[in-house]
Each structure stands twice: as C-alpha cells, then as structure tokens.
C-alpha cells in the first residue's frame, strides 16, 4: 500500500470514529443538562442556586419577577434568590424540555408548571417558559443566562400564568 492510501485510510477511520463518538457525547450532554434542569428548578435558596451558576459576574437572569428587568452578576442573583427563601413543598412538572448541546454550550428550553407554598403560606400555581444557557467550564456545566417568561395576551396586556400552550 502506498503512503497516500495509508493516509486516506487513516483519515476515513478517524472520521468514522469521531462520528461514532460525537452523538454519544451530545446524548450524554443532553441527559446531564436535563438532570441539572430538574435540580435547579426546585432551588429555593441562594446557596443552593450558587452551585448551578457560573462564578463570573457576566451571568444574567431575566425573571418574571421584577422590577428590575434583569438581575446581572453574582450579587444581584444572590439578592434575588433571597425572595424565594421560605418557599415550601415546591414541585415542578416539566410539560416540555428540549436540550441542544455542542459540548461547550448548551441551550435548554422548557415549559414548567410550578406549585407550592410561598413564605406567607399561600398556595401558588404557575406555568411559564424558561430558556437556560449552560457553559461547560473545567468539565462542569454552569448557567450563564436564564430567561423566564409568560405568554402575554396582546389584546389585554395580561400574562397567561396558566398557559398550557
């Protein structure tokens, strides 16, 4: 076999191996992100939340609760999460969850129904959309951006907090 055929055969074998392993890696990422999504959805304290967020100050949360319009940086996230302290019996049902990953960044979009009791003891029941952006750093997936929203009826200007979409 001449040198060019050996090189070509090597490239074909390498490409086949990469194609074989890449889908498995993406599937592993999808499962890992899905597991993380289920864990982070029930977090009710800043210390719990910190485990899932990237440590940099470029992190951002666009939440349904406000003002302000956004919570940017570690301090803002921590202070905002204090508002959830005392929530009890939080249960999250994922009505839909899709995960896309390239191994470095992942996007998870979901529709979640959250029920429980607020710190005041009142029951709450809300269905909303969530888009999370995860970045893999040092082998760990961490949130860098979260966007939570309700669909809005443009005729009335009111949010649909029970939407089944």
N, C-alpha and C. Protein backbone atom coordinates (compact mmCIF):
# COMPACT_ATOMS: atom_id res chain seq x y z
N UNK A 1 0.85 -1.17 0.00
CA UNK A 1 0.00 0.00 0.00
C UNK A 1 0.90 1.24 0.00
N UNK A 2 0.58 2.19 -0.87
CA UNK A 2 1.43 3.37 -0.91
C UNK A 2 1.04 4.35 0.21
N UNK A 3 1.89 5.34 0.41
CA UNK A 3 1.75 6.28 1.51
C UNK A 3 0.44 7.06 1.45
N UNK A 4 0.00 7.49 0.28
CA UNK A 4 -1.23 8.27 0.16
C UNK A 4 -2.46 7.44 0.52
N UNK A 5 -2.46 6.16 0.18
CA UNK A 5 -3.58 5.30 0.53
C UNK A 5 -3.65 5.08 2.04
N UNK A 6 -2.50 4.95 2.69
CA UNK A 6 -2.45 4.78 4.14
C UNK A 6 -3.00 6.05 4.82
N UNK A 7 -2.60 7.21 4.34
CA UNK A 7 -3.08 8.48 4.90
C UNK A 7 -4.60 8.58 4.71
N UNK A 8 -5.09 8.28 3.51
CA UNK A 8 -6.53 8.35 3.24
C UNK A 8 -7.31 7.38 4.11
N UNK A 9 -6.82 6.16 4.25
CA UNK A 9 -7.46 5.16 5.09
C UNK A 9 -7.48 5.63 6.55
N UNK A 10 -6.39 6.21 7.01
CA UNK A 10 -6.32 6.72 8.37
C UNK A 10 -7.34 7.83 8.61
N UNK A 11 -7.49 8.72 7.63
CA UNK A 11 -8.46 9.81 7.75
C UNK A 11 -9.88 9.27 7.80
N UNK A 12 -10.19 8.29 6.95
CA UNK A 12 -11.52 7.69 6.92
C UNK A 12 -11.82 7.00 8.25
N UNK A 13 -10.87 6.26 8.79
CA UNK A 13 -11.06 5.57 10.07
C UNK A 13 -11.26 6.59 11.19
N UNK A 14 -10.45 7.63 11.23
CA UNK A 14 -10.57 8.67 12.24
C UNK A 14 -11.93 9.37 12.15
N UNK A 15 -12.35 9.71 10.94
CA UNK A 15 -13.65 10.36 10.75
C UNK A 15 -14.79 9.46 11.22
N UNK A 16 -14.71 8.18 10.93
CA UNK A 16 -15.73 7.24 11.37
C UNK A 16 -15.80 7.16 12.89
N UNK A 17 -14.64 7.12 13.52
CA UNK A 17 -14.61 7.08 14.98
C UNK A 17 -15.19 8.34 15.60
N UNK A 18 -14.84 9.50 15.05
CA UNK A 18 -15.37 10.76 15.56
C UNK A 18 -16.88 10.80 15.41
N UNK A 19 -17.38 10.41 14.26
CA UNK A 19 -18.82 10.41 14.02
C UNK A 19 -19.53 9.44 14.96
N UNK A 20 -18.89 8.35 15.28
CA UNK A 20 -19.48 7.37 16.18
C UNK A 20 -19.54 7.90 17.60
N UNK A 21 -18.50 8.57 18.06
CA UNK A 21 -18.44 9.06 19.45
C UNK A 21 -19.19 10.37 19.65
N UNK A 22 -19.25 11.24 18.67
CA UNK A 22 -19.87 12.56 18.83
C UNK A 22 -21.33 12.49 19.25
N UNK A 23 -22.18 11.67 18.59
CA UNK A 23 -23.58 11.61 19.03
C UNK A 23 -23.71 11.13 20.47
N UNK A 24 -22.85 10.21 20.89
CA UNK A 24 -22.92 9.73 22.26
C UNK A 24 -22.57 10.85 23.23
N UNK A 25 -21.58 11.66 22.90
CA UNK A 25 -21.21 12.79 23.75
C UNK A 25 -22.36 13.78 23.84
N UNK A 26 -23.00 14.09 22.71
CA UNK A 26 -24.13 15.02 22.74
C UNK A 26 -25.29 14.43 23.54
N UNK A 27 -25.54 13.13 23.40
CA UNK A 27 -26.60 12.49 24.17
C UNK A 27 -26.29 12.55 25.66
N UNK A 28 -25.02 12.33 26.02
CA UNK A 28 -24.62 12.45 27.42
C UNK A 28 -24.84 13.87 27.92
N UNK A 29 -24.46 14.87 27.12
CA UNK A 29 -24.68 16.26 27.49
C UNK A 29 -26.16 16.53 27.69
N UNK A 30 -26.98 16.04 26.78
CA UNK A 30 -28.42 16.26 26.87
C UNK A 30 -28.99 15.67 28.16
N UNK A 31 -28.55 14.48 28.52
CA UNK A 31 -29.04 13.86 29.75
C UNK A 31 -28.53 14.62 30.97
N UNK A 32 -27.26 15.01 30.94
CA UNK A 32 -26.69 15.76 32.07
C UNK A 32 -27.40 17.10 32.26
N UNK A 33 -27.63 17.82 31.17
CA UNK A 33 -28.33 19.10 31.26
C UNK A 33 -29.78 18.89 31.72
N UNK A 34 -30.43 17.86 31.20
CA UNK A 34 -31.80 17.56 31.64
C UNK A 34 -31.84 17.30 33.15
N UNK A 35 -30.89 16.53 33.65
CA UNK A 35 -30.83 16.27 35.09
C UNK A 35 -30.61 17.57 35.87
N UNK A 36 -29.70 18.41 35.38
CA UNK A 36 -29.44 19.69 36.04
C UNK A 36 -30.68 20.59 36.02
N UNK A 37 -31.40 20.60 34.91
CA UNK A 37 -32.62 21.41 34.80
C UNK A 37 -33.63 21.02 35.88
N UNK A 38 -33.78 19.71 36.11
CA UNK A 38 -34.72 19.26 37.13
C UNK A 38 -34.25 19.64 38.53
N UNK A 39 -32.95 19.66 38.76
CA UNK A 39 -32.43 20.05 40.07
C UNK A 39 -32.56 21.55 40.31
N UNK A 40 -32.15 22.34 39.33
CA UNK A 40 -32.16 23.79 39.52
C UNK A 40 -33.58 24.34 39.60
N UNK A 41 -34.54 23.65 39.02
CA UNK A 41 -35.93 24.13 39.01
C UNK A 41 -36.53 24.21 40.41
N UNK A 42 -36.05 23.40 41.34
CA UNK A 42 -36.65 23.38 42.69
C UNK A 42 -35.80 24.11 43.73
N UNK A 43 -34.76 24.80 43.28
CA UNK A 43 -33.89 25.54 44.19
C UNK A 43 -34.66 26.72 44.81
N UNK A 44 -34.51 26.89 46.12
CA UNK A 44 -35.21 27.99 46.79
C UNK A 44 -34.29 28.84 47.67
N UNK A 45 -32.97 28.60 47.63
CA UNK A 45 -32.07 29.42 48.43
C UNK A 45 -30.88 29.86 47.58
N UNK A 46 -30.30 31.00 47.93
CA UNK A 46 -29.13 31.48 47.17
C UNK A 46 -27.96 30.49 47.21
N UNK A 47 -27.74 29.84 48.34
CA UNK A 47 -26.63 28.89 48.44
C UNK A 47 -26.82 27.69 47.53
N UNK A 48 -28.05 27.21 47.43
CA UNK A 48 -28.34 26.12 46.50
C UNK A 48 -28.14 26.58 45.05
N UNK A 49 -28.66 27.76 44.74
CA UNK A 49 -28.58 28.28 43.37
C UNK A 49 -27.14 28.47 42.93
N UNK A 50 -26.30 28.90 43.85
CA UNK A 50 -24.90 29.20 43.51
C UNK A 50 -24.18 27.98 42.92
N UNK A 51 -24.60 26.78 43.31
CA UNK A 51 -23.98 25.55 42.79
C UNK A 51 -24.16 25.40 41.28
N UNK A 52 -25.20 26.01 40.74
CA UNK A 52 -25.54 25.81 39.33
C UNK A 52 -25.09 26.95 38.43
N UNK A 53 -24.79 28.12 39.01
CA UNK A 53 -24.42 29.29 38.22
C UNK A 53 -22.92 29.39 38.05
N UNK A 54 -22.50 29.92 36.91
CA UNK A 54 -21.10 30.22 36.67
C UNK A 54 -20.64 31.24 37.70
N UNK A 55 -19.38 31.20 38.05
CA UNK A 55 -18.86 32.07 39.11
C UNK A 55 -18.55 33.49 38.63
N UNK A 56 -18.54 33.72 37.34
CA UNK A 56 -18.24 35.06 36.81
C UNK A 56 -19.38 36.04 37.01
N UNK A 57 -19.07 37.31 36.87
CA UNK A 57 -20.10 38.33 37.03
C UNK A 57 -20.83 38.66 35.73
N UNK A 58 -20.60 37.86 34.67
CA UNK A 58 -21.30 38.10 33.41
C UNK A 58 -22.60 37.28 33.33
N UNK A 59 -23.02 36.68 34.44
CA UNK A 59 -24.26 35.90 34.47
C UNK A 59 -25.47 36.84 34.54
N UNK A 60 -26.57 36.41 33.89
CA UNK A 60 -27.76 37.25 33.82
C UNK A 60 -29.02 36.39 33.97
N UNK A 61 -29.99 36.92 34.70
CA UNK A 61 -31.30 36.31 34.84
C UNK A 61 -32.35 37.33 34.43
N UNK A 62 -33.17 36.98 33.43
CA UNK A 62 -34.36 37.75 33.10
C UNK A 62 -35.52 36.96 33.71
N UNK A 63 -36.04 37.45 34.81
CA UNK A 63 -37.07 36.70 35.54
C UNK A 63 -38.45 37.33 35.32
N UNK A 64 -39.49 36.55 35.65
CA UNK A 64 -40.85 37.08 35.57
C UNK A 64 -41.12 38.01 36.73
N UNK A 65 -40.31 37.89 37.78
CA UNK A 65 -40.45 38.75 38.94
C UNK A 65 -39.56 39.97 38.76
N UNK A 66 -40.07 41.10 39.06
CA UNK A 66 -39.31 42.34 38.97
C UNK A 66 -40.20 43.47 39.44
N UNK A 67 -39.82 44.70 39.34
CA UNK A 67 -38.56 45.14 38.81
C UNK A 67 -37.40 44.71 39.71
N UNK A 68 -36.22 44.73 39.19
CA UNK A 68 -35.75 45.27 37.91
C UNK A 68 -36.01 44.31 36.76
N UNK A 69 -35.69 44.76 35.59
CA UNK A 69 -35.88 44.00 34.36
C UNK A 69 -34.96 42.79 34.30
N UNK A 70 -33.76 42.93 34.89
CA UNK A 70 -32.79 41.84 34.86
C UNK A 70 -31.99 41.84 36.15
N UNK A 71 -31.43 40.68 36.43
CA UNK A 71 -30.54 40.50 37.58
C UNK A 71 -29.20 40.07 37.00
N UNK A 72 -28.23 40.99 37.02
CA UNK A 72 -26.93 40.73 36.40
C UNK A 72 -25.84 40.69 37.46
N UNK A 73 -25.03 39.62 37.41
CA UNK A 73 -23.93 39.48 38.35
C UNK A 73 -24.30 38.66 39.57
N UNK A 74 -23.28 38.19 40.26
CA UNK A 74 -23.48 37.29 41.40
C UNK A 74 -24.29 37.93 42.54
N UNK A 75 -24.01 39.17 42.87
CA UNK A 75 -24.72 39.82 43.98
C UNK A 75 -26.21 39.96 43.67
N UNK A 76 -26.53 40.40 42.46
CA UNK A 76 -27.93 40.56 42.07
C UNK A 76 -28.66 39.22 42.09
N UNK A 77 -28.01 38.17 41.60
CA UNK A 77 -28.63 36.83 41.64
C UNK A 77 -28.87 36.39 43.08
N UNK A 78 -27.86 36.55 43.91
CA UNK A 78 -27.97 36.15 45.32
C UNK A 78 -29.13 36.89 46.00
N UNK A 79 -29.16 38.22 45.83
CA UNK A 79 -30.20 39.01 46.47
C UNK A 79 -31.59 38.63 45.96
N UNK A 80 -31.70 38.36 44.66
CA UNK A 80 -32.99 37.96 44.10
C UNK A 80 -33.44 36.61 44.64
N UNK A 81 -32.51 35.68 44.77
CA UNK A 81 -32.86 34.35 45.28
C UNK A 81 -33.33 34.39 46.73
N UNK A 82 -32.94 35.42 47.47
CA UNK A 82 -33.42 35.58 48.85
C UNK A 82 -34.95 35.67 48.89
N UNK A 83 -35.55 36.18 47.80
CA UNK A 83 -37.01 36.31 47.74
C UNK A 83 -37.71 34.95 47.77
N UNK A 84 -36.99 33.87 47.45
CA UNK A 84 -37.60 32.55 47.41
C UNK A 84 -37.40 31.79 48.72
N UNK A 85 -36.65 32.36 49.64
CA UNK A 85 -36.42 31.71 50.93
C UNK A 85 -37.76 31.51 51.63
N UNK A 86 -37.96 30.36 52.18
CA UNK A 86 -39.21 30.06 52.88
C UNK A 86 -40.26 29.40 52.02
N UNK A 87 -40.03 29.28 50.71
CA UNK A 87 -40.97 28.55 49.87
C UNK A 87 -40.97 27.09 50.32
N UNK A 88 -42.13 26.49 50.34
CA UNK A 88 -42.27 25.11 50.81
C UNK A 88 -43.00 24.26 49.78
N UNK A 89 -42.72 22.96 49.86
CA UNK A 89 -43.43 21.97 49.03
C UNK A 89 -43.40 22.31 47.54
N UNK A 90 -42.27 22.83 47.08
CA UNK A 90 -42.14 23.21 45.67
C UNK A 90 -42.09 21.95 44.82
N UNK A 91 -42.95 21.92 43.82
CA UNK A 91 -42.99 20.80 42.88
C UNK A 91 -42.97 21.38 41.47
N UNK A 92 -42.15 20.80 40.62
CA UNK A 92 -42.03 21.28 39.24
C UNK A 92 -42.36 20.13 38.29
N UNK A 93 -43.29 20.40 37.39
CA UNK A 93 -43.60 19.45 36.32
C UNK A 93 -43.11 20.08 35.01
N UNK A 94 -42.24 19.36 34.31
CA UNK A 94 -41.78 19.81 33.01
C UNK A 94 -42.79 19.35 31.97
N UNK A 95 -43.53 20.30 31.42
CA UNK A 95 -44.50 19.97 30.38
C UNK A 95 -43.79 19.74 29.05
N UNK A 96 -42.61 20.36 28.93
CA UNK A 96 -41.77 20.20 27.75
C UNK A 96 -40.34 20.54 28.15
N UNK A 97 -39.37 19.81 27.61
CA UNK A 97 -37.95 20.12 27.82
C UNK A 97 -37.17 19.65 26.61
N UNK A 98 -36.47 20.58 25.99
CA UNK A 98 -35.60 20.29 24.84
C UNK A 98 -34.21 20.80 25.16
N UNK A 99 -33.19 19.99 24.86
CA UNK A 99 -31.80 20.37 25.13
C UNK A 99 -31.00 20.23 23.85
N UNK A 100 -30.19 21.24 23.56
CA UNK A 100 -29.28 21.24 22.43
C UNK A 100 -27.90 21.53 22.98
N UNK A 101 -26.88 20.77 22.54
CA UNK A 101 -25.52 20.99 23.04
C UNK A 101 -24.50 20.76 21.96
N UNK A 102 -23.44 21.54 22.00
CA UNK A 102 -22.30 21.29 21.13
C UNK A 102 -21.08 20.84 21.93
N UNK A 103 -21.28 20.54 23.21
CA UNK A 103 -20.20 20.09 24.07
C UNK A 103 -19.56 21.21 24.88
N UNK A 104 -19.73 22.46 24.43
CA UNK A 104 -19.18 23.61 25.15
C UNK A 104 -20.30 24.50 25.70
N UNK A 105 -21.33 24.69 24.87
CA UNK A 105 -22.51 25.44 25.27
C UNK A 105 -23.73 24.56 25.09
N UNK A 106 -24.71 24.76 25.95
CA UNK A 106 -25.97 24.02 25.82
C UNK A 106 -27.11 24.99 26.05
N UNK A 107 -28.20 24.74 25.34
CA UNK A 107 -29.41 25.51 25.49
C UNK A 107 -30.51 24.55 25.91
N UNK A 108 -31.21 24.91 26.97
CA UNK A 108 -32.35 24.11 27.41
C UNK A 108 -33.56 25.03 27.41
N UNK A 109 -34.60 24.61 26.69
CA UNK A 109 -35.84 25.39 26.71
C UNK A 109 -36.94 24.49 27.23
N UNK A 110 -37.77 25.07 28.08
CA UNK A 110 -38.80 24.25 28.71
C UNK A 110 -40.05 25.06 28.99
N UNK A 111 -41.11 24.31 29.24
CA UNK A 111 -42.34 24.85 29.80
C UNK A 111 -42.51 24.11 31.12
N UNK A 112 -42.63 24.90 32.20
CA UNK A 112 -42.68 24.31 33.53
C UNK A 112 -43.93 24.77 34.28
N UNK A 113 -44.53 23.84 35.00
CA UNK A 113 -45.62 24.17 35.91
C UNK A 113 -45.06 24.00 37.31
N UNK A 114 -45.10 25.09 38.09
CA UNK A 114 -44.54 25.08 39.43
C UNK A 114 -45.66 25.33 40.43
N UNK A 115 -45.70 24.46 41.44
CA UNK A 115 -46.68 24.61 42.52
C UNK A 115 -45.96 24.56 43.86
N UNK A 116 -46.60 25.08 44.88
CA UNK A 116 -46.04 25.04 46.22
C UNK A 116 -46.69 26.07 47.11
N UNK A 117 -46.00 26.37 48.22
CA UNK A 117 -46.48 27.38 49.16
C UNK A 117 -45.41 28.45 49.29
N UNK A 118 -45.86 29.70 49.24
CA UNK A 118 -44.95 30.82 49.44
C UNK A 118 -44.56 30.93 50.90
N UNK A 119 -43.65 31.83 51.20
CA UNK A 119 -43.21 32.05 52.58
C UNK A 119 -44.38 32.47 53.46
N UNK A 120 -45.41 33.08 52.84
CA UNK A 120 -46.60 33.50 53.58
C UNK A 120 -47.61 32.38 53.78
N UNK A 121 -47.30 31.18 53.26
CA UNK A 121 -48.19 30.03 53.39
C UNK A 121 -49.24 29.91 52.29
N UNK A 122 -49.34 30.91 51.42
CA UNK A 122 -50.32 30.86 50.33
C UNK A 122 -49.85 29.91 49.23
N UNK A 123 -50.81 29.17 48.68
CA UNK A 123 -50.50 28.27 47.57
C UNK A 123 -50.23 29.07 46.31
N UNK A 124 -49.32 28.57 45.48
CA UNK A 124 -49.11 29.17 44.17
C UNK A 124 -49.08 28.07 43.13
N UNK A 125 -49.46 28.43 41.93
CA UNK A 125 -49.53 27.52 40.79
C UNK A 125 -49.30 28.36 39.55
N UNK A 126 -48.20 28.14 38.87
CA UNK A 126 -47.84 28.98 37.74
C UNK A 126 -47.18 28.15 36.65
N UNK A 127 -47.52 28.43 35.42
CA UNK A 127 -46.91 27.76 34.27
C UNK A 127 -46.22 28.82 33.43
N UNK A 128 -44.95 28.59 33.11
CA UNK A 128 -44.16 29.58 32.38
C UNK A 128 -43.12 28.91 31.50
N UNK A 129 -42.46 29.74 30.68
CA UNK A 129 -41.42 29.26 29.77
C UNK A 129 -40.06 29.63 30.36
N UNK A 130 -39.08 28.75 30.14
CA UNK A 130 -37.72 29.00 30.62
C UNK A 130 -36.74 28.66 29.50
N UNK A 131 -35.78 29.55 29.27
CA UNK A 131 -34.67 29.26 28.38
C UNK A 131 -33.40 29.44 29.20
N UNK A 132 -32.63 28.37 29.31
CA UNK A 132 -31.37 28.38 30.06
C UNK A 132 -30.21 28.17 29.11
N UNK A 133 -29.13 28.93 29.31
CA UNK A 133 -27.90 28.74 28.57
C UNK A 133 -26.84 28.27 29.55
N UNK A 134 -26.26 27.12 29.25
CA UNK A 134 -25.24 26.49 30.09
C UNK A 134 -23.90 26.54 29.36
N UNK A 135 -22.83 26.73 30.12
CA UNK A 135 -21.47 26.70 29.56
C UNK A 135 -20.67 25.67 30.35
N UNK A 136 -19.92 24.86 29.60
CA UNK A 136 -19.09 23.84 30.26
C UNK A 136 -17.71 24.44 30.52
N UNK A 137 -17.34 24.50 31.79
CA UNK A 137 -16.05 25.04 32.22
C UNK A 137 -15.41 24.04 33.16
N UNK A 138 -14.18 23.66 32.86
CA UNK A 138 -13.46 22.68 33.68
C UNK A 138 -14.29 21.41 33.92
N UNK A 139 -15.00 20.98 32.87
CA UNK A 139 -15.77 19.74 32.93
C UNK A 139 -17.12 19.84 33.63
N UNK A 140 -17.51 21.04 34.05
CA UNK A 140 -18.78 21.23 34.77
C UNK A 140 -19.69 22.18 34.00
N UNK A 141 -20.96 21.81 33.89
CA UNK A 141 -21.95 22.68 33.27
C UNK A 141 -22.41 23.71 34.29
N UNK A 142 -22.41 24.99 33.89
CA UNK A 142 -22.84 26.08 34.75
C UNK A 142 -23.74 27.03 33.95
N UNK A 143 -24.77 27.54 34.61
CA UNK A 143 -25.66 28.50 33.99
C UNK A 143 -24.95 29.82 33.77
N UNK A 144 -25.19 30.42 32.61
CA UNK A 144 -24.68 31.77 32.36
C UNK A 144 -25.80 32.74 32.00
N UNK A 145 -26.95 32.21 31.59
CA UNK A 145 -28.09 33.07 31.25
C UNK A 145 -29.38 32.29 31.42
N UNK A 146 -30.36 32.92 32.05
CA UNK A 146 -31.69 32.33 32.21
C UNK A 146 -32.72 33.39 31.83
N UNK A 147 -33.72 32.97 31.08
CA UNK A 147 -34.82 33.86 30.69
C UNK A 147 -36.13 33.14 31.01
N UNK A 148 -36.92 33.73 31.89
CA UNK A 148 -38.21 33.16 32.30
C UNK A 148 -39.29 34.11 31.82
N UNK A 149 -40.35 33.56 31.19
CA UNK A 149 -41.41 34.44 30.68
C UNK A 149 -42.76 33.73 30.64
N UNK A 150 -43.78 34.56 30.58
CA UNK A 150 -45.14 34.11 30.33
C UNK A 150 -45.54 34.55 28.93
N UNK A 151 -46.43 33.80 28.27
CA UNK A 151 -47.04 34.35 27.07
C UNK A 151 -47.97 35.50 27.50
N UNK A 152 -48.07 36.51 26.68
CA UNK A 152 -48.90 37.67 27.00
C UNK A 152 -50.00 37.81 25.95
N UNK A 153 -51.22 38.01 26.42
CA UNK A 153 -52.34 38.30 25.53
C UNK A 153 -52.19 39.76 25.10
N UNK A 154 -51.86 40.00 23.86
CA UNK A 154 -51.58 41.35 23.40
C UNK A 154 -52.82 42.25 23.42
N UNK A 155 -54.02 41.66 23.38
CA UNK A 155 -55.25 42.46 23.43
C UNK A 155 -55.48 43.05 24.81
N UNK A 156 -55.16 42.26 25.84
CA UNK A 156 -55.40 42.72 27.21
C UNK A 156 -54.12 43.19 27.91
N UNK A 157 -52.99 42.76 27.40
CA UNK A 157 -51.72 43.10 28.04
C UNK A 157 -51.45 42.26 29.28
N UNK A 158 -52.23 41.21 29.48
CA UNK A 158 -52.08 40.38 30.68
C UNK A 158 -51.32 39.10 30.37
N UNK A 159 -50.51 38.71 31.33
CA UNK A 159 -49.75 37.46 31.22
C UNK A 159 -50.68 36.28 31.43
N UNK A 160 -50.44 35.21 30.70
CA UNK A 160 -51.19 33.97 30.86
C UNK A 160 -50.36 33.06 31.75
N UNK A 161 -50.65 33.08 33.06
CA UNK A 161 -49.85 32.35 34.04
C UNK A 161 -50.26 30.89 34.18
N UNK A 162 -51.26 30.47 33.42
CA UNK A 162 -51.70 29.07 33.48
C UNK A 162 -51.67 28.43 32.10
N UNK A 163 -51.00 29.05 31.17
CA UNK A 163 -50.99 28.61 29.79
C UNK A 163 -50.49 27.18 29.65
N UNK A 164 -51.21 26.39 28.90
CA UNK A 164 -50.76 25.05 28.55
C UNK A 164 -50.14 25.05 27.16
N UNK A 165 -50.11 26.22 26.54
CA UNK A 165 -49.55 26.47 25.22
C UNK A 165 -50.12 25.51 24.26
